[in-house]
Protein backbone atom coordinates (compact mmCIF):
# COMPACT_ATOMS: atom_id res chain seq x y z
CA MET A 1 -9.17 -6.54 0.22
CA PRO A 2 -10.83 -9.04 -2.12
CA ILE A 3 -11.11 -8.16 -5.80
CA GLU A 4 -14.85 -7.57 -5.43
CA GLY A 5 -13.97 -4.69 -3.10
CA PHE A 6 -13.11 -2.65 -6.17
CA SER A 7 -16.82 -2.48 -6.89
CA ASP A 8 -17.36 -0.37 -3.75
CA TYR A 9 -16.89 3.38 -3.79
CA ILE A 10 -16.25 3.45 -0.04
CA THR A 11 -14.40 0.34 1.13
CA PRO A 12 -16.18 -1.29 4.09
CA ILE A 13 -13.98 -1.51 7.17
CA ASN A 14 -14.19 -5.30 7.18
CA HIS A 15 -12.67 -5.32 3.67
CA PHE A 16 -10.04 -2.67 4.37
CA PHE A 17 -6.49 -3.99 4.36
CA VAL A 18 -4.36 -3.81 7.52
CA ARG A 19 -0.57 -3.47 7.50
CA SER A 20 1.53 -3.12 10.65
CA HIS A 21 5.19 -3.76 11.45
CA VAL A 22 4.35 -4.55 15.07
CA TYR A 23 1.55 -5.85 17.26
CA THR A 24 -1.52 -3.66 17.65
CA PRO A 25 -1.08 -1.68 20.89
CA ARG A 26 -3.72 -1.31 23.57
CA VAL A 27 -4.61 2.35 24.04
CA ASP A 28 -6.57 3.65 27.05
CA ILE A 29 -8.34 6.74 25.72
CA GLY A 30 -8.63 8.10 29.26
CA GLN A 31 -4.84 8.15 29.58
CA TRP A 32 -4.03 8.94 25.96
CA ARG A 33 -2.55 12.31 25.10
CA LEU A 34 -1.19 13.96 21.96
CA THR A 35 1.96 16.02 22.49
CA VAL A 36 3.28 18.63 20.06
CA ASP A 37 6.82 19.93 20.60
CA GLY A 38 10.06 20.78 18.86
CA GLU A 39 10.31 23.95 16.78
CA VAL A 40 7.09 25.47 18.13
CA ALA A 41 6.36 28.52 20.26
CA ASN A 42 3.95 26.69 22.58
CA ALA A 43 4.34 22.98 23.29
CA LEU A 44 0.93 21.29 23.49
CA THR A 45 -0.59 18.35 25.32
CA LEU A 46 -4.06 17.61 23.93
CA THR A 47 -6.79 15.15 24.90
CA MET A 48 -9.27 13.68 22.44
CA ASP A 49 -11.89 16.11 23.80
CA ASP A 50 -9.54 18.97 22.95
CA LEU A 51 -9.26 17.73 19.38
CA ARG A 52 -12.99 17.17 18.99
CA ARG A 53 -13.64 20.78 20.05
CA MET A 54 -11.58 21.97 17.09
CA PRO A 55 -13.21 22.38 13.63
CA SER A 56 -13.63 18.95 12.03
CA VAL A 57 -13.09 18.03 8.40
CA GLU A 58 -14.24 15.00 6.42
CA LEU A 59 -12.69 13.84 3.17
CA VAL A 60 -12.58 10.78 0.93
CA SER A 61 -9.12 9.42 0.22
CA VAL A 62 -7.43 6.29 -1.04
CA LEU A 63 -5.07 4.57 1.39
CA GLU A 64 -2.61 2.32 -0.46
CA CYS A 65 0.42 0.45 0.85
CA ALA A 66 3.60 1.47 -0.98
CA GLY A 67 4.21 -2.22 -1.71
CA ASN A 68 0.78 -2.91 -3.20
CA GLY A 69 1.48 -5.00 -6.31
CA ARG A 70 4.93 -6.15 -5.13
CA GLY A 71 3.97 -9.75 -5.86
CA PHE A 72 3.80 -8.96 -9.60
CA TYR A 73 7.42 -7.82 -9.96
CA GLU A 74 9.92 -10.09 -11.70
CA PRO A 75 12.46 -10.80 -10.38
CA SER A 76 10.83 -10.82 -6.96
CA MET A 77 12.18 -9.08 -3.88
CA PRO A 78 11.71 -9.37 -0.09
CA GLY A 79 8.52 -8.02 1.49
CA LEU A 80 4.84 -8.88 1.72
CA GLN A 81 3.84 -10.17 -1.70
CA TRP A 82 0.74 -8.04 -2.16
CA GLY A 83 -1.38 -8.45 -5.26
CA HIS A 84 -4.04 -5.78 -5.74
CA GLY A 85 -5.65 -5.78 -2.30
CA ALA A 86 -3.42 -3.52 -0.17
CA VAL A 87 -5.59 -0.50 -0.92
CA GLY A 88 -8.95 0.94 0.05
CA ASN A 89 -11.00 4.11 -0.33
CA GLY A 90 -12.10 5.51 3.00
CA ARG A 91 -14.10 8.40 4.42
CA TRP A 92 -11.92 10.05 7.07
CA ARG A 93 -12.92 12.65 9.65
CA GLY A 94 -10.69 14.57 12.03
CA VAL A 95 -8.89 17.87 12.44
CA ARG A 96 -6.47 19.49 10.05
CA LEU A 97 -2.88 18.88 11.07
CA ALA A 98 -2.25 22.49 10.04
CA ASP A 99 -4.73 23.73 12.65
CA VAL A 100 -2.92 21.85 15.42
CA LEU A 101 0.47 23.16 14.26
CA LYS A 102 -0.84 26.72 14.06
CA ARG A 103 -2.17 26.38 17.58
CA ALA A 104 1.33 25.40 18.71
CA GLY A 105 2.90 28.23 16.71
CA LEU A 106 5.61 27.27 14.27
CA LYS A 107 9.04 28.82 14.68
CA ALA A 108 11.06 30.05 11.71
CA SER A 109 12.15 27.63 8.95
CA PRO A 110 10.50 24.35 9.99
CA ARG A 111 11.45 21.48 7.65
CA GLU A 112 9.54 18.38 8.74
CA VAL A 113 7.06 17.02 11.26
CA LEU A 114 8.09 13.75 12.92
CA ILE A 115 5.17 11.51 13.91
CA ASN A 116 5.30 8.75 16.52
CA GLY A 117 2.66 6.32 17.76
CA ALA A 118 1.82 4.09 20.72
CA ASP A 119 3.19 0.97 19.02
CA THR A 120 6.20 -0.80 20.54
CA PRO A 121 8.98 -2.23 18.33
CA LEU A 122 9.73 -5.94 18.37
CA GLY A 123 13.10 -7.00 19.80
CA THR A 124 15.79 -4.59 18.63
CA MET A 125 13.72 -3.32 15.69
CA PRO A 126 13.92 0.49 15.43
CA ASP A 127 10.84 2.36 16.61
CA PHE A 128 8.51 3.11 13.68
CA GLN A 129 8.70 6.88 13.23
CA ARG A 130 8.01 8.70 9.98
CA SER A 131 8.26 12.35 9.05
CA ILE A 132 6.54 14.44 6.40
CA PRO A 133 7.71 17.74 4.89
CA ILE A 134 6.19 20.86 6.41
CA ALA A 135 4.43 21.73 3.12
CA LYS A 136 2.52 18.42 3.18
CA ALA A 137 1.84 18.81 6.90
CA LEU A 138 0.23 22.20 6.27
CA HIS A 139 -1.82 21.00 3.29
CA PRO A 140 -5.51 21.49 4.17
CA ALA A 141 -6.29 17.84 3.31
CA THR A 142 -3.73 16.36 5.74
CA LEU A 143 -5.68 15.25 8.80
CA LEU A 144 -5.38 13.78 12.25
CA ALA A 145 -8.34 11.42 11.89
CA TYR A 146 -10.43 9.95 14.68
CA GLN A 147 -13.21 8.52 12.48
CA MET A 148 -13.24 6.11 9.55
CA ASN A 149 -16.35 5.60 7.41
CA GLY A 150 -18.49 7.38 10.00
CA GLU A 151 -17.32 5.18 12.89
CA THR A 152 -14.78 5.64 15.66
CA LEU A 153 -11.40 4.71 14.22
CA PRO A 154 -10.94 0.95 14.76
CA MET A 155 -7.95 -0.16 16.82
CA GLU A 156 -6.29 -1.97 13.91
CA HIS A 157 -6.57 1.21 11.84
CA GLY A 158 -4.92 3.44 14.42
CA PHE A 159 -7.33 4.21 17.28
CA PRO A 160 -7.58 6.78 18.67
CA LEU A 161 -5.77 8.97 16.11
CA ARG A 162 -4.28 8.31 12.69
CA LEU A 163 -2.38 10.61 10.38
CA VAL A 164 -4.15 10.85 7.01
CA VAL A 165 -1.84 12.01 4.21
CA PRO A 166 -4.03 12.01 1.07
CA GLY A 167 -2.26 11.24 -2.17
CA TRP A 168 0.71 9.64 -0.40
CA ALA A 169 1.51 5.98 0.22
CA GLY A 170 0.42 4.36 3.47
CA ASP A 171 3.86 4.38 5.11
CA SER A 172 3.23 8.06 5.90
CA TRP A 173 -0.21 7.37 7.42
CA THR A 174 1.12 6.77 10.95
CA LYS A 175 -1.28 4.96 13.30
CA TRP A 176 -1.94 5.31 17.06
CA VAL A 177 -0.45 8.83 16.98
CA THR A 178 0.82 10.06 20.36
CA SER A 179 3.40 12.74 19.50
CA MET A 180 4.46 15.19 16.82
CA THR A 181 7.81 16.94 16.81
CA VAL A 182 8.50 19.84 14.46
CA LEU A 183 12.05 19.61 13.09
CA ASN A 184 14.30 22.16 11.40
CA ARG A 185 16.12 19.33 9.58
CA GLU A 186 15.37 16.09 7.78
CA HIS A 187 14.73 13.18 10.13
CA ASP A 188 17.47 10.54 9.77
CA GLY A 189 15.91 7.64 11.69
CA PHE A 190 15.86 4.10 10.24
CA TRP A 191 12.34 4.23 8.78
CA MET A 192 13.19 7.37 6.80
CA ALA A 193 16.89 6.91 5.98
CA ARG A 194 16.86 3.19 5.16
CA ALA A 195 13.28 2.03 4.65
CA TYR A 196 10.47 3.03 2.28
CA ARG A 197 12.86 4.46 -0.27
CA HIS A 198 12.73 4.42 -4.07
CA PRO A 199 15.51 5.08 -6.59
CA GLY A 200 13.34 7.56 -8.48
CA LYS A 201 14.48 6.13 -11.80
CA PRO A 202 14.51 2.77 -13.62
CA VAL A 203 17.21 0.36 -12.46
CA GLN A 204 18.40 -2.95 -13.84
CA PRO A 205 16.11 -5.73 -12.58
CA GLY A 206 17.70 -7.54 -9.66
CA ARG A 207 20.23 -4.81 -8.96
CA ALA A 208 20.78 -3.63 -5.37
CA VAL A 209 20.63 0.12 -4.74
CA PRO A 210 22.04 1.53 -1.47
CA PRO A 211 19.52 3.47 0.65
CA GLU A 212 21.53 6.69 0.42
CA ALA A 213 21.12 6.59 -3.38
CA MET A 214 17.33 6.53 -3.04
CA GLN A 215 14.65 8.92 -1.84
CA PRO A 216 11.65 8.52 0.50
CA VAL A 217 8.44 7.14 -0.99
CA THR A 218 5.83 9.88 -1.13
CA SER A 219 3.08 10.30 -3.75
CA LEU A 220 1.02 7.52 -5.23
CA ARG A 221 1.08 6.98 -9.00
CA VAL A 222 -1.94 6.99 -11.27
CA LYS A 223 -3.41 3.49 -11.28
CA SER A 224 -6.41 1.41 -12.28
CA VAL A 225 -7.67 -2.09 -11.54
CA ILE A 226 -10.04 -4.25 -13.59
CA ALA A 227 -12.52 -5.78 -11.15
CA GLU A 228 -15.05 -7.38 -13.52
CA PRO A 229 -15.56 -9.71 -15.25
CA ARG A 230 -13.89 -12.22 -12.96
CA ALA A 231 -12.55 -15.64 -13.77
CA THR A 232 -14.44 -18.85 -13.07
CA GLY A 233 -12.17 -21.85 -12.79
CA GLY A 234 -9.19 -19.86 -14.00
CA VAL A 235 -10.64 -18.53 -17.28
CA ILE A 236 -12.92 -15.60 -18.16
CA THR A 237 -15.44 -16.59 -20.81
CA ALA A 238 -17.99 -14.66 -22.84
CA GLU A 239 -20.41 -15.28 -25.69
CA ALA A 240 -20.05 -13.67 -29.11
CA GLY A 241 -22.73 -11.04 -29.77
CA LYS A 242 -23.75 -10.85 -26.13
CA PRO A 243 -22.92 -7.57 -24.27
CA ILE A 244 -20.66 -7.67 -21.23
CA VAL A 245 -19.58 -4.91 -18.83
CA ILE A 246 -15.94 -4.33 -17.93
CA ARG A 247 -15.69 -2.51 -14.61
CA GLY A 248 -12.95 -1.24 -12.38
CA THR A 249 -11.52 1.48 -10.21
CA ALA A 250 -8.89 4.20 -10.74
CA TRP A 251 -7.01 6.60 -8.47
CA SER A 252 -3.96 8.85 -8.37
CA GLY A 253 -1.77 10.90 -6.00
CA ASP A 254 -0.39 14.41 -5.72
CA ALA A 255 -0.53 14.93 -9.49
CA GLY A 256 -4.28 15.38 -9.24
CA PRO A 257 -7.37 13.18 -9.52
CA VAL A 258 -8.06 10.71 -12.30
CA ARG A 259 -9.59 12.49 -15.29
CA SER A 260 -10.19 9.57 -17.63
CA VAL A 261 -9.90 5.82 -18.10
CA ASP A 262 -9.52 4.28 -21.55
CA VAL A 263 -10.15 0.64 -22.36
CA SER A 264 -8.63 -1.45 -25.14
CA VAL A 265 -10.15 -4.77 -26.23
CA ASP A 266 -7.39 -5.51 -28.74
CA ALA A 267 -4.22 -5.61 -26.62
CA GLY A 268 -3.59 -1.87 -26.83
CA ARG A 269 -3.99 -1.27 -30.56
CA THR A 270 -7.01 1.00 -30.09
CA TRP A 271 -8.48 2.73 -27.05
CA THR A 272 -11.99 3.90 -26.16
CA PRO A 273 -13.04 6.08 -23.17
CA ALA A 274 -14.79 4.31 -20.31
CA THR A 275 -17.68 5.91 -18.43
CA MET A 276 -16.79 7.36 -15.03
CA ARG A 277 -19.05 8.23 -12.12
CA ARG A 278 -19.40 12.02 -11.98
CA ASP A 279 -20.56 12.00 -8.36
CA GLN A 280 -17.23 10.45 -7.29
CA SER A 281 -14.95 13.22 -8.54
CA THR A 282 -12.91 14.06 -5.43
CA GLU A 283 -9.33 15.23 -5.11
CA PHE A 284 -7.93 12.10 -3.47
CA GLY A 285 -10.61 9.38 -3.65
CA TRP A 286 -10.92 6.75 -6.33
CA ARG A 287 -13.53 6.60 -9.07
CA LEU A 288 -15.44 3.64 -10.40
CA TRP A 289 -15.53 3.22 -14.18
CA GLU A 290 -17.20 0.86 -16.65
CA TYR A 291 -17.08 0.00 -20.32
CA ARG A 292 -19.86 -1.85 -22.15
CA TRP A 293 -18.63 -4.08 -24.94
CA THR A 294 -20.09 -6.72 -27.23
CA PRO A 295 -17.54 -9.29 -28.45
CA PRO A 296 -18.05 -9.39 -32.24
CA ARG A 297 -16.84 -12.95 -32.86
CA GLU A 298 -15.28 -15.99 -31.29
CA ALA A 299 -11.66 -15.23 -30.41
CA TYR A 300 -9.30 -14.61 -27.50
CA TYR A 301 -9.34 -10.95 -26.43
CA THR A 302 -6.77 -9.14 -24.31
CA ILE A 303 -8.40 -6.28 -22.38
CA PHE A 304 -6.37 -3.32 -21.07
CA ALA A 305 -7.41 -0.36 -18.90
CA ARG A 306 -5.33 2.82 -18.69
CA ALA A 307 -5.99 5.73 -16.33
CA ARG A 308 -4.85 9.34 -16.81
CA ASP A 309 -4.55 11.91 -14.01
CA ALA A 310 -5.04 15.69 -14.04
CA ALA A 311 -1.36 16.27 -14.86
CA GLY A 312 -1.53 14.00 -17.91
CA ASN A 313 0.34 11.06 -16.37
CA THR A 314 -0.72 7.63 -17.62
CA GLN A 315 0.03 4.07 -16.62
CA PRO A 316 2.96 2.25 -18.24
CA LEU A 317 2.49 -0.92 -20.28
CA GLU A 318 5.52 -2.47 -18.57
CA GLN A 319 6.61 -1.82 -15.01
CA GLU A 320 10.02 -0.35 -14.26
CA TRP A 321 11.72 -2.46 -11.59
CA ASN A 322 12.88 -1.16 -8.20
CA PRO A 323 14.56 -3.12 -5.36
CA SER A 324 11.75 -2.67 -2.82
CA GLY A 325 8.79 -3.40 -5.08
CA TYR A 326 7.12 -0.03 -4.56
CA GLY A 327 4.72 1.86 -6.81
CA TRP A 328 3.36 -0.91 -9.05
CA ASN A 329 0.95 0.78 -11.48
CA VAL A 330 1.27 -1.10 -14.76
CA VAL A 331 -1.74 -1.14 -17.11
CA PRO A 332 -3.96 -4.00 -15.87
CA ARG A 333 -5.01 -6.67 -18.33
CA ILE A 334 -7.34 -9.63 -18.47
CA GLY A 335 -7.91 -12.27 -21.14
CA ILE A 336 -11.41 -13.22 -22.28
CA VAL A 337 -12.19 -16.39 -24.22
CA VAL A 338 -15.12 -15.81 -26.57
CA ASP A 339 -15.89 -19.32 -27.74
CA ARG A 340 -19.02 -21.31 -26.97
CA SER A 341 -17.02 -24.50 -26.88
CA ALA A 342 -14.25 -23.11 -24.66
CA THR A 343 -13.55 -25.30 -21.67
CA VAL A 344 -13.03 -23.71 -18.31
CA SER A 345 -9.58 -24.69 -17.20
CA GLY A 346 -6.60 -23.39 -15.35
CA SER A 347 -5.34 -23.88 -11.87
CA THR A 348 -2.84 -22.43 -9.48
CA PRO A 349 0.11 -24.73 -9.02
CA GLY A 350 0.82 -25.73 -5.47
CA ASP A 351 4.18 -25.73 -3.77
CA ALA A 352 6.77 -28.24 -4.86
CA THR A 353 7.70 -31.44 -3.06
CA PRO A 354 7.10 -31.07 0.67
CA ILE A 355 10.22 -30.10 2.60
CA THR A 356 10.43 -30.56 6.35
CA ALA A 357 10.80 -27.36 8.32
CA PRO A 358 13.63 -27.11 10.86
CA SER A 359 12.56 -27.76 14.44
CA THR A 360 13.78 -24.28 15.38
CA LEU A 361 11.55 -22.45 12.89
CA LYS A 362 8.88 -21.70 15.48
CA SER A 363 11.20 -20.37 18.17
CA THR A 364 13.44 -18.33 15.86
CA CYS A 365 10.94 -16.93 13.36
CA LEU A 366 7.31 -17.65 14.18
CA SER A 367 7.35 -16.06 17.61
CA CYS A 368 6.95 -12.66 15.91
CA HIS A 369 4.92 -13.43 12.76
CA ASP A 370 3.06 -16.21 10.97
CA GLU A 371 4.70 -18.42 8.36
CA ASP A 372 2.41 -16.78 5.81
CA VAL A 373 4.76 -13.77 5.84
CA ILE A 374 7.56 -16.15 4.80
CA ARG A 375 5.48 -18.30 2.45
CA GLN A 376 4.42 -15.48 0.16
CA GLN A 377 8.01 -14.36 -0.50
CA ARG A 378 9.81 -16.20 -3.30
CA LEU A 379 13.46 -15.19 -2.95
CA THR A 380 16.88 -16.32 -4.05
CA ARG A 381 19.23 -17.93 -1.57
CA ALA A 382 21.22 -14.70 -1.33
CA GLN A 383 18.04 -12.74 -0.59
CA TRP A 384 17.00 -15.20 2.12
CA ASP A 385 20.49 -14.88 3.56
CA GLY A 386 19.97 -11.12 3.81
CA GLU A 387 16.53 -11.53 5.42
CA ILE A 388 17.90 -13.85 8.11
CA ASN A 389 20.69 -11.35 8.81
CA LYS A 390 18.13 -8.56 9.14
CA MET A 391 15.93 -10.49 11.56
CA ALA A 392 18.92 -11.55 13.63
CA GLY A 393 19.92 -7.90 13.79
CA TRP A 394 16.45 -7.09 15.09
CA GLY A 395 16.72 -9.57 17.93
CA ALA A 396 15.81 -13.01 16.53
CA LYS A 397 17.86 -15.63 18.40
CA VAL A 398 19.55 -17.55 15.58
CA SER A 399 22.61 -19.73 16.22
CA ASP A 400 25.02 -20.56 13.41
CA GLN A 401 23.61 -24.11 13.20
CA ASP A 402 20.01 -22.86 13.18
CA ARG A 403 20.91 -20.26 10.58
CA SER A 404 22.27 -22.83 8.15
CA ALA A 405 19.20 -25.04 8.50
CA LEU A 406 16.81 -22.12 8.09
CA LEU A 407 18.63 -20.86 5.01
CA ASP A 408 18.51 -24.31 3.38
CA TYR A 409 14.79 -24.59 4.19
CA PHE A 410 13.80 -21.14 2.92
CA ALA A 411 15.89 -21.46 -0.26
CA ALA A 412 14.44 -24.87 -1.11
CA ARG A 413 10.85 -24.31 0.03
CA TYR A 414 10.35 -20.65 -0.95
CA GLY A 415 12.74 -20.06 -3.81
CA PRO A 416 12.02 -17.78 -6.80
CA ARG A 417 8.78 -18.28 -8.73
CA SER A 418 9.17 -20.21 -11.94
CA ARG A 419 9.01 -18.03 -15.04
């Protein structure tokens, strides 16, 4: 989503980010069925007509990728190097997951609900299956959605049915749902036991943490983004004595909705409440905020925004590092030059000296994804070594000779960002 998308209360579908581990499947709604089995009294097989005959619910909720903001972490780590744009605020309609489970009849002591979709894994990649605890599954806001922003759910967003888990990161929002299995234990598949896990505490930057020492990613953290003013030519400029408006968006997770946003125009020394839209106060949606400010004199100003949720949680000034780059919610900041003679400057440095790609790059790597997935990651040689091992384990055909050439290329072309 572009930065201007944070000016929208409901994110238009054409601006809504898309994240998938696999290719988008083709689903024939005439053949599609939803099955419910496991620890239930009555196994179900439901059509879309069956679901639409059940009571429908509509809610507004933020959908945010767990790795949104990963590109800001230092040192960097593997994964899509999202900035701010892996998030959106949608209007979702469907049936309560709890109503479907009650229709099936839960047996005693259910622990989790395992969700699977119509997607097919690439090569030897494990099938993408995620589970959620029974308490979250029975929450009245957890939906099986068939509409998004008043339209039939688009294919890239999970047609015909998507799990909506308000307040939780997007890894739990399974797309193209075809089956649900109620478990009396914790699911131990790859995407729960080894992926989308967080240490739950600060760790030394750059340190590896084994998956078994971490816990599944669940709730979002309180967060805000400054959307305006935006830079022109790399610098934000303003005129002394002339009012400007600082605008942005804020959201939270299970701890409750955002209650306030404070703005500082002096690098955090003092804070003043921003104005928030009262008609946007929902449990899981975001809220737009603004702060009107007149720069008193020519100077360089550092602007902060800090959101607070219903439980009193606020954003940190510095981000605690974790090995997967999840949960970035540091206080956003922009710099404004208030100087009539200030020159607009600044540029984004390009990549270093061109380096020729190995001839095998296309056949070994680009048959499953674009080079953009590689280009945005700035990793150490050891990290690239691990990524090649992972992809080879998932079925990429990499000979020893190819592997050496690829490692040299990735390390030289896409090494760590300069500090």
